[in-house]
Amino acid sequence: MSEFEADDGARSEATPSQEEIGRIPRLISRVKADLDDLASEEQAQLVQAVAVVRRSRTVMSDMPRVGRPVG
């Protein structure tokens, strides 16, 4: 097994169950409904906050990576 292959136990632990997968559409629907319930000012604040987070992710993804120390 190469260092990039997972054994069967690790793979099954990392793979979401059908129940977990089924919860995603319900979660999305609930979040959308909650967003629709926000006042327009709150929605604008949320859009602004998301933009800030996205910009910071872009900055972080452009930063050079530092490898693990050898030893």
PDB file of N, CA and C in Angstrom:
ATOM      1  N   MET A   1       0.853  -1.175   0.000  1.00  0.00           N
ATOM      2  CA  MET A   1       0.000   0.000   0.000  1.00  0.00           C
ATOM      3  C   MET A   1       0.900   1.240   0.000  1.00  0.00           C
ATOM      4  N   SER A   2       0.650   2.180  -0.920  1.00  0.00           N
ATOM      5  CA  SER A   2       1.444   3.403  -0.945  1.00  0.00           C
ATOM      6  C   SER A   2       0.978   4.328   0.169  1.00  0.00           C
ATOM      7  N   GLU A   3       1.768   5.357   0.432  1.00  0.00           N
ATOM      8  CA  GLU A   3       1.419   6.265   1.525  1.00  0.00           C
ATOM      9  C   GLU A   3       0.144   7.048   1.247  1.00  0.00           C
ATOM     10  N   PHE A   4      -0.341   7.056  -0.001  1.00  0.00           N
ATOM     11  CA  PHE A   4      -1.535   7.816  -0.351  1.00  0.00           C
ATOM     12  C   PHE A   4      -2.795   6.969  -0.385  1.00  0.00           C
ATOM     13  N   GLU A   5      -2.677   5.674  -0.203  1.00  0.00           N
ATOM     14  CA  GLU A   5      -3.838   4.797  -0.201  1.00  0.00           C
ATOM     15  C   GLU A   5      -4.322   4.604   1.228  1.00  0.00           C
ATOM     16  N   ALA A   6      -5.636   4.638   1.401  1.00  0.00           N
ATOM     17  CA  ALA A   6      -6.215   4.413   2.720  1.00  0.00           C
ATOM     18  C   ALA A   6      -6.636   2.953   2.830  1.00  0.00           C
ATOM     19  N   ASP A   7      -6.509   2.399   4.025  1.00  0.00           N
ATOM     20  CA  ASP A   7      -7.000   1.038   4.196  1.00  0.00           C
ATOM     21  C   ASP A   7      -8.529   1.067   4.235  1.00  0.00           C
ATOM     22  N   ASP A   8      -9.166  -0.095   4.156  1.00  0.00           N
ATOM     23  CA  ASP A   8     -10.625  -0.163   4.081  1.00  0.00           C
ATOM     24  C   ASP A   8     -11.298   0.461   5.292  1.00  0.00           C
ATOM     25  N   GLY A   9     -10.740   0.267   6.473  1.00  0.00           N
ATOM     26  CA  GLY A   9     -11.336   0.834   7.689  1.00  0.00           C
ATOM     27  C   GLY A   9     -11.312   2.354   7.664  1.00  0.00           C
ATOM     28  N   ALA A  10     -10.195   2.922   7.266  1.00  0.00           N
ATOM     29  CA  ALA A  10     -10.085   4.383   7.194  1.00  0.00           C
ATOM     30  C   ALA A  10     -11.023   4.929   6.132  1.00  0.00           C
ATOM     31  N   ARG A  11     -11.095   4.239   5.011  1.00  0.00           N
ATOM     32  CA  ARG A  11     -11.978   4.685   3.925  1.00  0.00           C
ATOM     33  C   ARG A  11     -13.438   4.668   4.374  1.00  0.00           C
ATOM     34  N   SER A  12     -13.866   3.621   5.049  1.00  0.00           N
ATOM     35  CA  SER A  12     -15.270   3.539   5.475  1.00  0.00           C
ATOM     36  C   SER A  12     -15.580   4.577   6.557  1.00  0.00           C
ATOM     37  N   GLU A  13     -14.611   4.890   7.400  1.00  0.00           N
ATOM     38  CA  GLU A  13     -14.811   5.932   8.417  1.00  0.00           C
ATOM     39  C   GLU A  13     -14.920   7.312   7.781  1.00  0.00           C
ATOM     40  N   ALA A  14     -14.195   7.535   6.704  1.00  0.00           N
ATOM     41  CA  ALA A  14     -14.175   8.847   6.048  1.00  0.00           C
ATOM     42  C   ALA A  14     -15.359   9.046   5.106  1.00  0.00           C
ATOM     43  N   THR A  15     -15.990   7.971   4.676  1.00  0.00           N
ATOM     44  CA  THR A  15     -17.104   8.051   3.735  1.00  0.00           C
ATOM     45  C   THR A  15     -18.395   8.331   4.495  1.00  0.00           C
ATOM     46  N   PRO A  16     -19.146   9.376   4.083  1.00  0.00           N
ATOM     47  CA  PRO A  16     -20.390   9.674   4.782  1.00  0.00           C
ATOM     48  C   PRO A  16     -21.442   8.587   4.540  1.00  0.00           C
ATOM     49  N   SER A  17     -22.267   8.369   5.547  1.00  0.00           N
ATOM     50  CA  SER A  17     -23.339   7.377   5.422  1.00  0.00           C
ATOM     51  C   SER A  17     -24.474   7.955   4.577  1.00  0.00           C
ATOM     52  N   GLN A  18     -25.363   7.098   4.116  1.00  0.00           N
ATOM     53  CA  GLN A  18     -26.522   7.563   3.345  1.00  0.00           C
ATOM     54  C   GLN A  18     -27.386   8.500   4.194  1.00  0.00           C
ATOM     55  N   GLU A  19     -27.456   8.234   5.487  1.00  0.00           N
ATOM     56  CA  GLU A  19     -28.226   9.106   6.385  1.00  0.00           C
ATOM     57  C   GLU A  19     -27.611  10.510   6.419  1.00  0.00           C
ATOM     58  N   GLU A  20     -26.290  10.575   6.517  1.00  0.00           N
ATOM     59  CA  GLU A  20     -25.611  11.873   6.525  1.00  0.00           C
ATOM     60  C   GLU A  20     -25.828  12.599   5.201  1.00  0.00           C
ATOM     61  N   ILE A  21     -25.740  11.878   4.104  1.00  0.00           N
ATOM     62  CA  ILE A  21     -25.946  12.469   2.787  1.00  0.00           C
ATOM     63  C   ILE A  21     -27.388  12.973   2.659  1.00  0.00           C
ATOM     64  N   GLY A  22     -28.332  12.226   3.190  1.00  0.00           N
ATOM     65  CA  GLY A  22     -29.742  12.615   3.128  1.00  0.00           C
ATOM     66  C   GLY A  22     -30.059  13.855   3.943  1.00  0.00           C
ATOM     67  N   ARG A  23     -29.269  14.124   4.976  1.00  0.00           N
ATOM     68  CA  ARG A  23     -29.507  15.309   5.804  1.00  0.00           C
ATOM     69  C   ARG A  23     -29.129  16.604   5.102  1.00  0.00           C
ATOM     70  N   ILE A  24     -28.240  16.538   4.136  1.00  0.00           N
ATOM     71  CA  ILE A  24     -27.737  17.750   3.484  1.00  0.00           C
ATOM     72  C   ILE A  24     -28.858  18.556   2.815  1.00  0.00           C
ATOM     73  N   PRO A  25     -29.713  17.969   1.982  1.00  0.00           N
ATOM     74  CA  PRO A  25     -30.779  18.771   1.369  1.00  0.00           C
ATOM     75  C   PRO A  25     -31.713  19.405   2.411  1.00  0.00           C
ATOM     76  N   ARG A  26     -31.988  18.697   3.491  1.00  0.00           N
ATOM     77  CA  ARG A  26     -32.847  19.271   4.546  1.00  0.00           C
ATOM     78  C   ARG A  26     -32.160  20.444   5.220  1.00  0.00           C
ATOM     79  N   LEU A  27     -30.871  20.310   5.454  1.00  0.00           N
ATOM     80  CA  LEU A  27     -30.110  21.396   6.060  1.00  0.00           C
ATOM     81  C   LEU A  27     -30.095  22.626   5.153  1.00  0.00           C
ATOM     82  N   ILE A  28     -29.881  22.406   3.865  1.00  0.00           N
ATOM     83  CA  ILE A  28     -29.870  23.519   2.906  1.00  0.00           C
ATOM     84  C   ILE A  28     -31.227  24.215   2.892  1.00  0.00           C
ATOM     85  N   SER A  29     -32.297  23.450   2.880  1.00  0.00           N
ATOM     86  CA  SER A  29     -33.642  24.040   2.880  1.00  0.00           C
ATOM     87  C   SER A  29     -33.887  24.867   4.136  1.00  0.00           C
ATOM     88  N   ARG A  30     -33.436  24.348   5.263  1.00  0.00           N
ATOM     89  CA  ARG A  30     -33.625  25.072   6.527  1.00  0.00           C
ATOM     90  C   ARG A  30     -32.842  26.376   6.545  1.00  0.00           C
ATOM     91  N   VAL A  31     -31.602  26.338   6.058  1.00  0.00           N
ATOM     92  CA  VAL A  31     -30.777  27.547   6.020  1.00  0.00           C
ATOM     93  C   VAL A  31     -31.394  28.574   5.085  1.00  0.00           C
ATOM     94  N   LYS A  32     -31.857  28.137   3.901  1.00  0.00           N
ATOM     95  CA  LYS A  32     -32.487  29.065   2.959  1.00  0.00           C
ATOM     96  C   LYS A  32     -33.724  29.706   3.576  1.00  0.00           C
ATOM     97  N   ALA A  33     -34.539  28.920   4.266  1.00  0.00           N
ATOM     98  CA  ALA A  33     -35.734  29.459   4.910  1.00  0.00           C
ATOM     99  C   ALA A  33     -35.354  30.464   5.990  1.00  0.00           C
ATOM    100  N   ASP A  34     -34.329  30.152   6.765  1.00  0.00           N
ATOM    101  CA  ASP A  34     -33.877  31.074   7.818  1.00  0.00           C
ATOM    102  C   ASP A  34     -33.344  32.364   7.211  1.00  0.00           C
ATOM    103  N   LEU A  35     -32.646  32.272   6.096  1.00  0.00           N
ATOM    104  CA  LEU A  35     -32.127  33.467   5.427  1.00  0.00           C
ATOM    105  C   LEU A  35     -33.269  34.336   4.917  1.00  0.00           C
ATOM    106  N   ASP A  36     -34.292  33.696   4.383  1.00  0.00           N
ATOM    107  CA  ASP A  36     -35.454  34.440   3.885  1.00  0.00           C
ATOM    108  C   ASP A  36     -36.180  35.181   5.009  1.00  0.00           C
ATOM    109  N   ASP A  37     -36.073  34.666   6.232  1.00  0.00           N
ATOM    110  CA  ASP A  37     -36.735  35.292   7.384  1.00  0.00           C
ATOM    111  C   ASP A  37     -35.986  36.508   7.911  1.00  0.00           C
ATOM    112  N   LEU A  38     -34.743  36.704   7.483  1.00  0.00           N
ATOM    113  CA  LEU A  38     -33.958  37.842   7.961  1.00  0.00           C
ATOM    114  C   LEU A  38     -34.472  39.143   7.346  1.00  0.00           C
ATOM    115  N   ALA A  39     -34.335  40.217   8.106  1.00  0.00           N
ATOM    116  CA  ALA A  39     -34.653  41.543   7.576  1.00  0.00           C
ATOM    117  C   ALA A  39     -33.633  41.882   6.484  1.00  0.00           C
ATOM    118  N   SER A  40     -33.994  42.783   5.573  1.00  0.00           N
ATOM    119  CA  SER A  40     -33.094  43.107   4.456  1.00  0.00           C
ATOM    120  C   SER A  40     -31.758  43.651   4.962  1.00  0.00           C
ATOM    121  N   GLU A  41     -31.759  44.399   6.060  1.00  0.00           N
ATOM    122  CA  GLU A  41     -30.494  44.903   6.619  1.00  0.00           C
ATOM    123  C   GLU A  41     -29.626  43.753   7.117  1.00  0.00           C
ATOM    124  N   GLU A  42     -30.241  42.770   7.753  1.00  0.00           N
ATOM    125  CA  GLU A  42     -29.490  41.609   8.234  1.00  0.00           C
ATOM    126  C   GLU A  42     -28.945  40.794   7.067  1.00  0.00           C
ATOM    127  N   GLN A  43     -29.734  40.666   6.008  1.00  0.00           N
ATOM    128  CA  GLN A  43     -29.266  39.946   4.824  1.00  0.00           C
ATOM    129  C   GLN A  43     -28.060  40.658   4.215  1.00  0.00           C
ATOM    130  N   ALA A  44     -28.109  41.997   4.158  1.00  0.00           N
ATOM    131  CA  ALA A  44     -26.989  42.769   3.613  1.00  0.00           C
ATOM    132  C   ALA A  44     -25.736  42.589   4.464  1.00  0.00           C
ATOM    133  N   GLN A  45     -25.899  42.570   5.783  1.00  0.00           N
ATOM    134  CA  GLN A  45     -24.760  42.357   6.676  1.00  0.00           C
ATOM    135  C   GLN A  45     -24.161  40.972   6.453  1.00  0.00           C
ATOM    136  N   LEU A  46     -25.011  39.997   6.255  1.00  0.00           N
ATOM    137  CA  LEU A  46     -24.544  38.633   6.022  1.00  0.00           C
ATOM    138  C   LEU A  46     -23.780  38.539   4.697  1.00  0.00           C
ATOM    139  N   VAL A  47     -24.300  39.171   3.654  1.00  0.00           N
ATOM    140  CA  VAL A  47     -23.620  39.169   2.358  1.00  0.00           C
ATOM    141  C   VAL A  47     -22.246  39.817   2.498  1.00  0.00           C
ATOM    142  N   GLN A  48     -22.169  40.903   3.257  1.00  0.00           N
ATOM    143  CA  GLN A  48     -20.889  41.581   3.473  1.00  0.00           C
ATOM    144  C   GLN A  48     -19.916  40.673   4.238  1.00  0.00           C
ATOM    145  N   ALA A  49     -20.404  39.998   5.265  1.00  0.00           N
ATOM    146  CA  ALA A  49     -19.547  39.103   6.045  1.00  0.00           C
ATOM    147  C   ALA A  49     -19.014  37.958   5.192  1.00  0.00           C
ATOM    148  N   VAL A  50     -19.859  37.403   4.330  1.00  0.00           N
ATOM    149  CA  VAL A  50     -19.429  36.321   3.447  1.00  0.00           C
ATOM    150  C   VAL A  50     -18.348  36.816   2.494  1.00  0.00           C
ATOM    151  N   ALA A  51     -18.500  38.033   1.996  1.00  0.00           N
ATOM    152  CA  ALA A  51     -17.496  38.601   1.092  1.00  0.00           C
ATOM    153  C   ALA A  51     -16.145  38.734   1.791  1.00  0.00           C
ATOM    154  N   VAL A  52     -16.163  39.153   3.055  1.00  0.00           N
ATOM    155  CA  VAL A  52     -14.916  39.283   3.823  1.00  0.00           C
ATOM    156  C   VAL A  52     -14.248  37.926   3.985  1.00  0.00           C
ATOM    157  N   VAL A  53     -15.029  36.916   4.319  1.00  0.00           N
ATOM    158  CA  VAL A  53     -14.472  35.571   4.498  1.00  0.00           C
ATOM    159  C   VAL A  53     -13.894  35.054   3.185  1.00  0.00           C
ATOM    160  N   ARG A  54     -14.609  35.273   2.091  1.00  0.00           N
ATOM    161  CA  ARG A  54     -14.110  34.804   0.789  1.00  0.00           C
ATOM    162  C   ARG A  54     -12.809  35.497   0.415  1.00  0.00           C
ATOM    163  N   ARG A  55     -12.711  36.806   0.687  1.00  0.00           N
ATOM    164  CA  ARG A  55     -11.466  37.517   0.385  1.00  0.00           C
ATOM    165  C   ARG A  55     -10.321  36.961   1.220  1.00  0.00           C
ATOM    166  N   SER A  56     -10.579  36.685   2.490  1.00  0.00           N
ATOM    167  CA  SER A  56      -9.503  36.161   3.343  1.00  0.00           C
ATOM    168  C   SER A  56      -9.086  34.773   2.898  1.00  0.00           C
ATOM    169  N   ARG A  57     -10.010  33.978   2.420  1.00  0.00           N
ATOM    170  CA  ARG A  57      -9.647  32.650   1.899  1.00  0.00           C
ATOM    171  C   ARG A  57      -8.784  32.784   0.667  1.00  0.00           C
ATOM    172  N   THR A  58      -9.100  33.751  -0.189  1.00  0.00           N
ATOM    173  CA  THR A  58      -8.308  33.965  -1.395  1.00  0.00           C
ATOM    174  C   THR A  58      -6.892  34.367  -1.023  1.00  0.00           C
ATOM    175  N   VAL A  59      -6.759  35.250  -0.047  1.00  0.00           N
ATOM    176  CA  VAL A  59      -5.435  35.675   0.401  1.00  0.00           C
ATOM    177  C   VAL A  59      -4.684  34.489   0.967  1.00  0.00           C
ATOM    178  N   MET A  60      -5.341  33.689   1.788  1.00  0.00           N
ATOM    179  CA  MET A  60      -4.687  32.529   2.391  1.00  0.00           C
ATOM    180  C   MET A  60      -4.276  31.511   1.337  1.00  0.00           C
ATOM    181  N   SER A  61      -5.095  31.317   0.311  1.00  0.00           N
ATOM    182  CA  SER A  61      -4.752  30.311  -0.690  1.00  0.00           C
ATOM    183  C   SER A  61      -3.585  30.764  -1.559  1.00  0.00           C
ATOM    184  N   ASP A  62      -3.332  32.077  -1.616  1.00  0.00           N
ATOM    185  CA  ASP A  62      -2.213  32.583  -2.400  1.00  0.00           C
ATOM    186  C   ASP A  62      -0.901  32.623  -1.612  1.00  0.00           C
ATOM    187  N   MET A  63      -0.963  32.341  -0.322  1.00  0.00           N
ATOM    188  CA  MET A  63       0.244  32.385   0.507  1.00  0.00           C
ATOM    189  C   MET A  63       1.094  31.152   0.236  1.00  0.00           C
ATOM    190  N   PRO A  64       2.412  31.315   0.326  1.00  0.00           N
ATOM    191  CA  PRO A  64       3.287  30.151   0.109  1.00  0.00           C
ATOM    192  C   PRO A  64       3.096  29.117   1.230  1.00  0.00           C
ATOM    193  N   ARG A  65       3.240  27.877   0.875  1.00  0.00           N
ATOM    194  CA  ARG A  65       3.100  26.781   1.833  1.00  0.00           C
ATOM    195  C   ARG A  65       4.455  26.510   2.490  1.00  0.00           C
ATOM    196  N   VAL A  66       4.422  26.176   3.757  1.00  0.00           N
ATOM    197  CA  VAL A  66       5.638  25.814   4.474  1.00  0.00           C
ATOM    198  C   VAL A  66       5.505  24.336   4.823  1.00  0.00           C
ATOM    199  N   GLY A  67       6.480  23.569   4.408  1.00  0.00           N
ATOM    200  CA  GLY A  67       6.450  22.132   4.664  1.00  0.00           C
ATOM    201  C   GLY A  67       6.737  21.792   6.114  1.00  0.00           C
ATOM    202  N   ARG A  68       6.484  20.549   6.468  1.00  0.00           N
ATOM    203  CA  ARG A  68       6.779  20.072   7.820  1.00  0.00           C
ATOM    204  C   ARG A  68       8.282  20.007   8.033  1.00  0.00           C
ATOM    205  N   PRO A  69       8.697  20.308   9.267  1.00  0.00           N
ATOM    206  CA  PRO A  69      10.134  20.183   9.546  1.00  0.00           C
ATOM    207  C   PRO A  69      10.605  18.744   9.389  1.00  0.00           C
ATOM    208  N   VAL A  70      11.784  18.573   8.894  1.00  0.00           N
ATOM    209  CA  VAL A  70      12.355  17.233   8.725  1.00  0.00           C
ATOM    210  C   VAL A  70      12.962  16.814  10.063  1.00  0.00           C
ATOM    211  N   GLY A  71      12.646  15.618  10.484  1.00  0.00           N
ATOM    212  CA  GLY A  71      13.265  15.188  11.725  1.00  0.00           C
ATOM    213  C   GLY A  71      12.556  14.167  12.382  1.00  0.00           C
TER     214      GLY A  71
END
